[in-house]
């Protein structure tokens, strides 16, 4: 689950750096206590040719509370953890330049107290030809912390389909082997029958020749 998001984020990061495009992917929403978790946040520019500078802020609202806490700020190349509850536990994992399009962060050593709403905010300045434009983009992630990772339905179905496919392929292979064996056996029997018929015809011809010589 986490590795799937990681691959997508890496792909998007590579794409944004080579100016080939950007794909906005929603963050996963279930973390396992004691593990690390990637909070995903991607905001793509609509026009890649326009240069820009961005900063990213993360806020956290614990489950059952009303107010957000400012926990993280990134202004390339500086990453600042702003709340003691996350001290030494947050790590920037987004774009490594000032034109930020991926604002992902890792939470290390996840606890049940990390359950709640996380808000990722992009403050982006677009440098247009005649002027500059300021854009603010906000994205929320509802995070649930569990003791053991739950297997997704899609993963379970994929695993079942894999085993079904293996069984079907094995049965198909057995069927092909049986068919080939029967076909080869039938061809061998036909070849033996033709061989016996030729031998019989040759014997009859030889006998007829011998009878002809005796009559002469």
Protein backbone atom coordinates (compact mmCIF):
# COMPACT_ATOMS: atom_id res chain seq x y z
CA UNK A 1 0.00 0.00 0.00
CA UNK A 2 2.65 2.52 1.04
CA UNK A 3 5.06 1.29 -1.62
CA UNK A 4 2.40 1.85 -4.26
CA UNK A 5 2.08 5.51 -3.29
CA UNK A 6 5.86 5.81 -3.05
CA UNK A 7 6.27 4.62 -6.63
CA UNK A 8 3.64 7.07 -7.86
CA UNK A 9 5.24 9.96 -5.99
CA UNK A 10 8.70 9.11 -7.32
CA UNK A 11 7.30 8.93 -10.84
CA UNK A 12 5.62 12.31 -10.43
CA UNK A 13 8.78 13.81 -8.98
CA UNK A 14 10.85 12.56 -11.90
CA UNK A 15 8.28 13.85 -14.37
CA UNK A 16 8.15 17.30 -12.81
CA UNK A 17 11.94 17.61 -12.78
CA UNK A 18 12.30 16.66 -16.43
CA UNK A 19 9.33 18.90 -17.41
CA UNK A 20 7.51 15.94 -18.92
CA UNK A 21 4.33 16.36 -16.88
CA UNK A 22 2.89 15.94 -13.43
CA UNK A 23 0.23 13.60 -12.04
CA UNK A 24 -1.80 14.47 -8.95
CA UNK A 25 -2.21 11.37 -6.76
CA UNK A 26 -4.23 11.26 -3.55
CA UNK A 27 -2.45 10.26 -0.37
CA UNK A 28 -3.11 6.93 1.32
CA UNK A 29 -5.12 7.30 4.52
CA UNK A 30 -4.18 4.35 6.76
CA UNK A 31 -0.96 4.18 8.75
CA UNK A 32 0.34 1.39 10.99
CA UNK A 33 1.44 2.25 14.52
CA UNK A 34 5.20 2.04 15.00
CA UNK A 35 5.91 2.27 11.28
CA UNK A 36 6.58 5.25 9.06
CA UNK A 37 3.96 6.74 6.76
CA UNK A 38 4.15 8.92 3.66
CA UNK A 39 1.71 11.82 3.67
CA UNK A 40 1.23 12.53 0.00
CA UNK A 41 0.44 15.97 -1.39
CA UNK A 42 0.84 16.93 -5.06
CA UNK A 43 -0.16 20.20 -6.72
CA UNK A 44 0.73 20.41 -10.40
CA UNK A 45 1.24 23.64 -12.28
CA UNK A 46 -1.15 24.04 -15.17
CA UNK A 47 1.57 25.45 -17.42
CA UNK A 48 4.99 23.83 -17.08
CA UNK A 49 6.73 26.54 -19.08
CA UNK A 50 5.88 29.15 -16.42
CA UNK A 51 8.55 29.40 -13.75
CA UNK A 52 7.44 29.49 -10.13
CA UNK A 53 8.52 29.43 -6.52
CA UNK A 54 6.59 27.69 -3.77
CA UNK A 55 6.57 27.01 -0.07
CA UNK A 56 4.64 24.20 1.64
CA UNK A 57 3.03 24.13 5.07
CA UNK A 58 1.51 21.18 6.89
CA UNK A 59 -1.11 21.58 9.63
CA UNK A 60 -2.59 18.88 11.85
CA UNK A 61 -5.96 18.68 13.61
CA UNK A 62 -6.13 15.75 16.07
CA UNK A 63 -9.24 13.58 16.12
CA UNK A 64 -11.96 15.25 18.21
CA UNK A 65 -10.37 18.73 18.20
CA UNK A 66 -11.41 21.85 16.27
CA UNK A 67 -8.16 23.74 15.73
CA UNK A 68 -5.28 22.98 13.38
CA UNK A 69 -1.70 22.99 14.60
CA UNK A 70 1.11 24.26 12.37
CA UNK A 71 3.55 21.33 12.36
CA UNK A 72 5.85 21.75 9.34
CA UNK A 73 7.14 24.38 6.92
CA UNK A 74 9.30 23.88 3.83
CA UNK A 75 11.00 26.73 1.98
CA UNK A 76 13.74 25.24 -0.17
CA UNK A 77 16.20 24.17 1.06
CA UNK A 78 15.03 24.63 4.65
CA UNK A 79 12.66 22.18 6.34
CA UNK A 80 11.36 23.18 9.79
CA UNK A 81 9.39 21.03 12.26
CA UNK A 82 7.20 23.48 14.18
CA UNK A 83 5.41 21.36 16.80
CA UNK A 84 7.00 19.41 19.64
CA UNK A 85 4.67 16.41 19.15
CA UNK A 86 6.39 15.80 15.82
CA UNK A 87 9.92 16.64 16.88
CA UNK A 88 12.46 14.55 14.94
CA UNK A 89 9.59 12.58 13.34
CA UNK A 90 8.91 14.54 10.13
CA UNK A 91 11.04 14.30 6.99
CA UNK A 92 10.61 16.21 3.73
CA UNK A 93 10.08 13.88 0.79
CA UNK A 94 8.94 16.31 -1.88
CA UNK A 95 10.45 18.35 -4.71
CA UNK A 96 14.07 19.26 -4.02
CA UNK A 97 13.99 22.71 -5.61
CA UNK A 98 12.05 25.97 -5.17
CA UNK A 99 9.49 25.07 -7.89
CA UNK A 100 7.66 22.65 -5.61
CA UNK A 101 4.94 20.43 -7.03
CA UNK A 102 5.24 17.52 -4.60
CA UNK A 103 4.89 18.40 -0.93
CA UNK A 104 5.04 14.92 0.60
CA UNK A 105 6.46 14.30 4.07
CA UNK A 106 7.26 11.16 6.04
CA UNK A 107 5.97 10.64 9.56
CA UNK A 108 8.36 8.35 11.42
CA UNK A 109 7.36 6.13 14.33
CA UNK A 110 3.62 6.68 13.87
CA UNK A 111 1.50 6.68 17.05
CA UNK A 112 -2.26 6.43 17.59
CA UNK A 113 -2.21 10.12 18.57
CA UNK A 114 -1.32 10.91 14.95
CA UNK A 115 -4.89 10.06 13.90
CA UNK A 116 -6.66 13.11 12.53
CA UNK A 117 -6.77 15.56 9.63
CA UNK A 118 -3.61 16.79 7.91
CA UNK A 119 -3.76 19.87 5.70
CA UNK A 120 -1.13 20.52 3.06
CA UNK A 121 -0.94 24.12 1.78
CA UNK A 122 1.00 25.31 -1.26
CA UNK A 123 1.86 29.00 -1.46
CA UNK A 124 2.94 29.40 -5.08
CA UNK A 125 4.17 32.46 -6.94
CA UNK A 126 3.93 32.24 -10.73
CA UNK A 127 6.25 34.50 -12.67
CA UNK A 128 4.21 35.54 -15.69
CA UNK A 129 5.53 37.59 -18.60
CA UNK A 130 4.10 40.90 -17.41
CA UNK A 131 3.35 40.22 -13.76
CA UNK A 132 3.39 37.70 -10.94
CA UNK A 133 0.45 35.66 -9.69
CA UNK A 134 0.03 34.19 -6.22
CA UNK A 135 -1.83 30.89 -5.88
CA UNK A 136 -2.81 29.00 -2.73
CA UNK A 137 -3.72 25.31 -2.94
CA UNK A 138 -4.97 23.30 0.05
CA UNK A 139 -5.42 19.55 0.32
CA UNK A 140 -6.66 17.53 3.31
CA UNK A 141 -5.72 14.00 4.30
CA UNK A 142 -7.85 12.09 6.81
CA UNK A 143 -5.39 9.73 8.51
CA UNK A 144 -6.35 6.67 10.53
CA UNK A 145 -3.75 4.79 12.59
CA UNK A 146 -4.27 1.04 13.07
CA UNK A 147 -2.36 -1.66 14.92
CA UNK A 148 -2.12 -4.00 11.91
CA UNK A 149 -2.33 -3.12 8.26
CA UNK A 150 -5.61 -4.06 6.59
CA UNK A 151 -5.39 -5.81 3.28
CA UNK A 152 -7.17 -3.90 0.54
CA UNK A 153 -9.99 -5.63 -1.32
CA UNK A 154 -8.22 -5.04 -4.63
CA UNK A 155 -5.10 -6.81 -3.32
CA UNK A 156 -7.15 -9.78 -2.11
CA UNK A 157 -8.98 -10.06 -5.44
CA UNK A 158 -5.70 -9.78 -7.35
CA UNK A 159 -4.16 -12.57 -5.28
CA UNK A 160 -7.21 -14.82 -5.82
CA UNK A 161 -7.15 -14.11 -9.56
CA UNK A 162 -3.44 -14.93 -9.65
CA UNK A 163 -4.01 -18.36 -8.09
CA UNK A 164 -7.00 -19.02 -10.35
CA UNK A 165 -4.91 -18.10 -13.37
CA UNK A 166 -2.11 -20.43 -12.26
CA UNK A 167 -4.55 -23.32 -11.85
CA UNK A 168 -6.18 -22.61 -15.23
CA UNK A 169 -2.79 -22.45 -16.94
CA UNK A 170 -1.72 -25.72 -15.35
CA UNK A 171 -4.94 -27.44 -16.47
CA UNK A 172 -4.51 -25.99 -19.94
CA UNK A 173 -0.93 -27.25 -20.08
CA UNK A 174 -2.01 -30.72 -18.99
CA UNK A 175 -4.73 -30.67 -21.67
CA UNK A 176 -2.22 -29.66 -24.33
CA UNK A 177 0.19 -32.42 -23.27
CA UNK A 178 -2.60 -35.05 -23.38
CA UNK A 179 -3.75 -33.81 -26.79
CA UNK A 180 -0.20 -33.86 -28.17
CA UNK A 181 0.40 -37.36 -26.76
CA UNK A 182 -2.78 -38.70 -28.34
CA UNK A 183 -1.99 -37.06 -31.67
CA UNK A 184 1.57 -38.39 -31.72
CA UNK A 185 0.34 -41.85 -30.68
CA UNK A 186 -2.29 -41.84 -33.45
CA UNK A 187 0.27 -40.73 -36.04
CA UNK A 188 2.66 -43.44 -34.87
CA UNK A 189 -0.04 -46.10 -35.15
CA UNK A 190 -0.95 -44.83 -38.64
CA UNK A 191 2.71 -44.93 -39.65
CA UNK A 192 3.04 -48.51 -38.34
CA UNK A 193 -0.11 -49.48 -40.23
CA UNK A 194 1.24 -47.98 -43.49
CA UNK A 195 4.56 -49.70 -42.91
CA UNK A 196 2.84 -53.06 -42.39
CA UNK A 197 0.69 -52.54 -45.50
CA UNK A 198 3.74 -51.73 -47.61
CA UNK A 199 5.50 -54.85 -46.31
CA UNK A 200 2.45 -56.94 -47.09
CA UNK A 201 2.20 -55.50 -50.62
CA UNK A 202 5.89 -56.11 -51.19
CA UNK A 203 5.48 -59.73 -50.05
CA UNK A 204 2.54 -60.25 -52.42
CA UNK A 205 4.48 -58.76 -55.33
CA UNK A 206 7.43 -61.01 -54.56
CA UNK A 207 5.14 -64.05 -54.46
CA UNK A 208 3.53 -63.12 -57.77
CA UNK A 209 6.96 -62.78 -59.38
CA UNK A 210 7.98 -66.17 -58.11
CA UNK A 211 4.80 -67.79 -59.44
CA UNK A 212 5.41 -66.17 -62.85
CA UNK A 213 8.93 -67.55 -63.07
CA UNK A 214 7.73 -71.05 -62.21
CA UNK A 215 5.09 -70.98 -64.95
CA UNK A 216 7.65 -70.03 -67.55
